[in-house]
Amino acid sequence: MRGFLILLGFFLLLLFILIFPVISFYNGAISKREAIKNQFSQIDVVLKRRYDLIPNLIQSVKGVAIQEQEVFLKIAEARTKYGSAITPDDKIKAANELEGLLSRLLVIVENYPQLRSSESFLKLMDELAGTENRISVERRRYNELVREYNTFIKTFPNNMLTKFFGFSEAQYLETPEAEKEVPKVNFEDLRGGTKK
């Protein structure tokens, strides 16, 4: 009987030694994946803030730049896409499209000096700049969490359990191609269009 208890104790200890790392991996992976989801929610909150600022910004520009209706319509369409986006991927795509259009709006603003002297416009631009900085910070945090999670599920021995439990690699938030392009500056416009 005593030998049976020793054998049973040894078997339970061996089972604990084998199961504990599996449980630890699973809980760690779940925790890291939830941190990524939480951080995406933070990004979503800041993107929503930007989404809410845009109509006020457009209204202040519309009165001065009437001939720029195409850009205003595209921004409205992009806002609608963002507002109706459900999945994180759809929200990211819509937010990236909106960022590109906001860049175009800022170019339009440069062509209308009377806008830059409007106090309400300047206040909106400050709020938008602050929001863009927050988006940048939240994206960086998100990508750090994605890196931690991906490293966690890819390192040995975790990589052996990753597929068994159905964990997959998380995607980084990448900079849209339109934002990677170097802006073109036309100094002729600054000199009043005169050429040498």
Protein backbone atom coordinates (compact mmCIF):
# COMPACT_ATOMS: atom_id res chain seq x y z
CA MET A 1 0.00 0.00 0.00
CA ARG A 2 2.82 2.36 0.87
CA GLY A 3 4.49 1.77 -2.51
CA PHE A 4 1.21 2.60 -4.24
CA LEU A 5 0.96 5.95 -2.39
CA ILE A 6 4.55 6.83 -3.28
CA LEU A 7 3.90 5.94 -6.91
CA LEU A 8 0.65 7.94 -6.91
CA GLY A 9 2.43 10.93 -5.30
CA PHE A 10 5.22 10.72 -7.86
CA PHE A 11 2.67 10.51 -10.70
CA LEU A 12 0.73 13.55 -9.37
CA LEU A 13 3.95 15.54 -8.97
CA LEU A 14 5.00 14.65 -12.52
CA LEU A 15 1.53 15.58 -13.79
CA PHE A 16 1.73 18.93 -11.97
CA ILE A 17 5.18 19.61 -13.40
CA LEU A 18 3.89 18.93 -16.92
CA ILE A 19 0.54 20.73 -16.64
CA PHE A 20 1.66 23.86 -14.78
CA PRO A 21 3.68 25.27 -17.72
CA VAL A 22 0.75 24.60 -20.08
CA ILE A 23 -1.65 26.45 -17.79
CA SER A 24 0.87 29.23 -17.33
CA PHE A 25 1.32 29.58 -21.11
CA TYR A 26 -2.42 29.61 -21.76
CA ASN A 27 -3.14 32.22 -19.08
CA GLY A 28 -0.20 34.36 -20.20
CA ALA A 29 -1.28 34.28 -23.84
CA ILE A 30 -4.88 35.15 -22.93
CA SER A 31 -3.69 38.02 -20.73
CA LYS A 32 -1.47 39.44 -23.48
CA ARG A 33 -4.18 39.07 -26.14
CA GLU A 34 -6.67 40.90 -23.90
CA ALA A 35 -4.12 43.67 -23.32
CA ILE A 36 -3.94 44.13 -27.10
CA LYS A 37 -7.74 44.34 -27.34
CA ASN A 38 -7.81 46.86 -24.50
CA GLN A 39 -5.15 48.99 -26.16
CA PHE A 40 -7.07 48.93 -29.43
CA SER A 41 -10.06 50.23 -27.49
CA GLN A 42 -7.88 53.12 -26.31
CA ILE A 43 -6.97 53.88 -29.93
CA ASP A 44 -10.64 53.71 -30.85
CA VAL A 45 -11.49 56.29 -28.17
CA VAL A 46 -8.93 58.75 -29.53
CA LEU A 47 -9.98 58.10 -33.13
CA LYS A 48 -13.57 58.83 -32.08
CA ARG A 49 -12.39 62.14 -30.64
CA ARG A 50 -10.80 62.98 -33.99
CA TYR A 51 -13.98 61.83 -35.72
CA ASP A 52 -15.99 64.27 -33.60
CA LEU A 53 -13.63 67.21 -34.23
CA ILE A 54 -13.68 66.94 -38.01
CA PRO A 55 -17.18 68.40 -38.69
CA ASN A 56 -16.31 71.55 -36.72
CA LEU A 57 -13.03 71.89 -38.56
CA ILE A 58 -14.72 71.45 -41.93
CA GLN A 59 -17.40 74.02 -41.09
CA SER A 60 -14.74 76.59 -40.29
CA VAL A 61 -12.94 75.89 -43.59
CA LYS A 62 -16.06 75.54 -45.76
CA GLY A 63 -17.04 79.17 -45.55
CA VAL A 64 -13.70 80.31 -46.91
CA ALA A 65 -12.82 77.49 -49.30
CA ILE A 66 -16.08 76.91 -51.14
CA GLN A 67 -14.39 75.54 -54.28
CA GLU A 68 -12.86 72.65 -52.29
CA GLN A 69 -16.16 70.73 -52.04
CA GLU A 70 -14.67 67.47 -53.39
CA VAL A 71 -12.33 67.17 -50.39
CA PHE A 72 -15.17 67.93 -47.98
CA LEU A 73 -17.33 65.22 -49.57
CA LYS A 74 -14.52 62.66 -49.38
CA ILE A 75 -13.91 63.51 -45.73
CA ALA A 76 -17.64 63.07 -45.02
CA GLU A 77 -17.57 59.68 -46.79
CA ALA A 78 -14.49 58.61 -44.81
CA ARG A 79 -16.17 59.67 -41.55
CA THR A 80 -19.19 57.58 -42.51
CA LYS A 81 -16.96 54.58 -43.21
CA TYR A 82 -15.30 54.99 -39.83
CA GLY A 83 -18.62 55.42 -38.06
CA SER A 84 -20.02 52.24 -39.61
CA ALA A 85 -16.82 50.16 -39.23
CA ILE A 86 -17.25 47.23 -36.87
CA THR A 87 -14.06 45.18 -36.98
CA PRO A 88 -10.70 46.56 -35.88
CA ASP A 89 -9.34 46.10 -39.41
CA ASP A 90 -12.21 48.11 -40.90
CA LYS A 91 -11.72 50.85 -38.31
CA ILE A 92 -8.00 51.00 -39.03
CA LYS A 93 -8.58 51.24 -42.80
CA ALA A 94 -11.20 53.96 -42.38
CA ALA A 95 -9.00 55.89 -39.92
CA ASN A 96 -6.05 55.71 -42.32
CA GLU A 97 -8.22 57.03 -45.16
CA LEU A 98 -9.40 59.85 -42.92
CA GLU A 99 -5.80 60.71 -42.02
CA GLY A 100 -4.88 61.06 -45.68
CA LEU A 101 -7.84 63.32 -46.33
CA LEU A 102 -7.03 65.45 -43.29
CA SER A 103 -3.58 65.98 -44.77
CA ARG A 104 -5.24 67.27 -47.93
CA LEU A 105 -7.44 69.55 -45.83
CA LEU A 106 -4.34 71.01 -44.16
CA VAL A 107 -2.85 71.74 -47.59
CA ILE A 108 -6.07 73.58 -48.48
CA VAL A 109 -5.80 75.59 -45.27
CA GLU A 110 -2.31 76.71 -46.25
CA ASN A 111 -3.82 78.32 -49.35
CA TYR A 112 -6.20 80.47 -47.28
CA PRO A 113 -4.30 82.77 -44.89
CA GLN A 114 -7.55 84.23 -43.52
CA LEU A 115 -8.26 80.82 -41.92
CA ARG A 116 -5.01 80.88 -40.00
CA SER A 117 -6.08 84.14 -38.37
CA SER A 118 -9.43 82.70 -37.17
CA GLU A 119 -9.33 82.03 -33.43
CA SER A 120 -11.91 79.22 -33.57
CA PHE A 121 -10.06 77.55 -36.43
CA LEU A 122 -6.74 77.78 -34.57
CA LYS A 123 -8.34 76.28 -31.46
CA LEU A 124 -9.75 73.39 -33.51
CA MET A 125 -6.36 72.84 -35.13
CA ASP A 126 -4.71 72.72 -31.69
CA GLU A 127 -7.26 70.16 -30.52
CA LEU A 128 -6.74 68.12 -33.66
CA ALA A 129 -2.95 68.27 -33.27
CA GLY A 130 -3.26 67.09 -29.66
CA THR A 131 -5.56 64.29 -30.76
CA GLU A 132 -3.13 63.23 -33.49
CA ASN A 133 -0.35 63.09 -30.88
CA ARG A 134 -2.52 60.89 -28.65
CA ILE A 135 -3.28 58.60 -31.58
CA SER A 136 0.44 58.27 -32.22
CA VAL A 137 1.15 57.41 -28.58
CA GLU A 138 -1.69 54.87 -28.39
CA ARG A 139 -0.59 53.23 -31.64
CA ARG A 140 2.95 52.93 -30.34
CA ARG A 141 1.66 51.29 -27.14
CA TYR A 142 -0.53 48.96 -29.18
CA ASN A 143 2.42 47.89 -31.34
CA GLU A 144 4.54 47.28 -28.21
CA LEU A 145 1.85 44.97 -26.83
CA VAL A 146 1.60 43.18 -30.19
CA ARG A 147 5.38 42.69 -30.17
CA GLU A 148 5.28 41.25 -26.63
CA TYR A 149 2.41 38.91 -27.49
CA ASN A 150 3.94 37.74 -30.78
CA THR A 151 7.29 37.14 -29.11
CA PHE A 152 5.57 35.23 -26.31
CA ILE A 153 3.71 32.85 -28.64
CA LYS A 154 6.70 32.34 -30.97
CA THR A 155 9.40 31.54 -28.41
CA PHE A 156 10.25 28.01 -27.35
CA PRO A 157 8.51 26.10 -25.73
CA ASN A 158 5.42 28.34 -26.11
CA ASN A 159 5.46 27.91 -29.88
CA MET A 160 4.65 24.21 -29.41
CA LEU A 161 1.42 25.10 -27.60
CA THR A 162 0.42 28.07 -29.77
CA LYS A 163 -1.29 26.10 -32.53
CA PHE A 164 -2.76 23.57 -30.12
CA PHE A 165 -4.69 26.33 -28.32
CA GLY A 166 -5.43 28.27 -31.52
CA PHE A 167 -3.40 31.39 -30.81
CA SER A 168 -2.29 33.31 -33.86
CA GLU A 169 0.02 36.21 -34.51
CA ALA A 170 -1.44 39.68 -33.91
CA GLN A 171 -1.09 42.36 -36.60
CA TYR A 172 0.81 45.59 -36.09
CA LEU A 173 -0.76 48.95 -36.88
CA GLU A 174 1.25 50.19 -39.81
CA THR A 175 1.62 53.67 -41.23
CA PRO A 176 -0.52 54.13 -44.34
CA GLU A 177 1.41 54.43 -47.60
CA ALA A 178 0.06 57.96 -48.17
CA GLU A 179 1.74 59.13 -44.95
CA LYS A 180 5.10 57.59 -45.90
CA GLU A 181 5.37 59.81 -48.98
CA VAL A 182 7.58 62.85 -48.65
CA PRO A 183 5.48 66.01 -49.03
CA LYS A 184 6.27 68.07 -52.11
CA VAL A 185 6.93 71.72 -51.47
CA ASN A 186 6.57 74.18 -54.32
CA PHE A 187 8.67 77.21 -53.46
CA GLU A 188 7.34 78.98 -56.55
CA ASP A 189 4.01 79.35 -54.72
CA LEU A 190 5.81 81.01 -51.84
CA ARG A 191 7.43 83.54 -54.16
CA GLY A 192 4.14 84.42 -55.80
CA GLY A 193 4.59 82.16 -58.84
CA THR A 194 7.59 83.99 -60.33
CA LYS A 195 10.17 81.90 -62.11
CA LYS A 196 13.77 82.73 -62.72
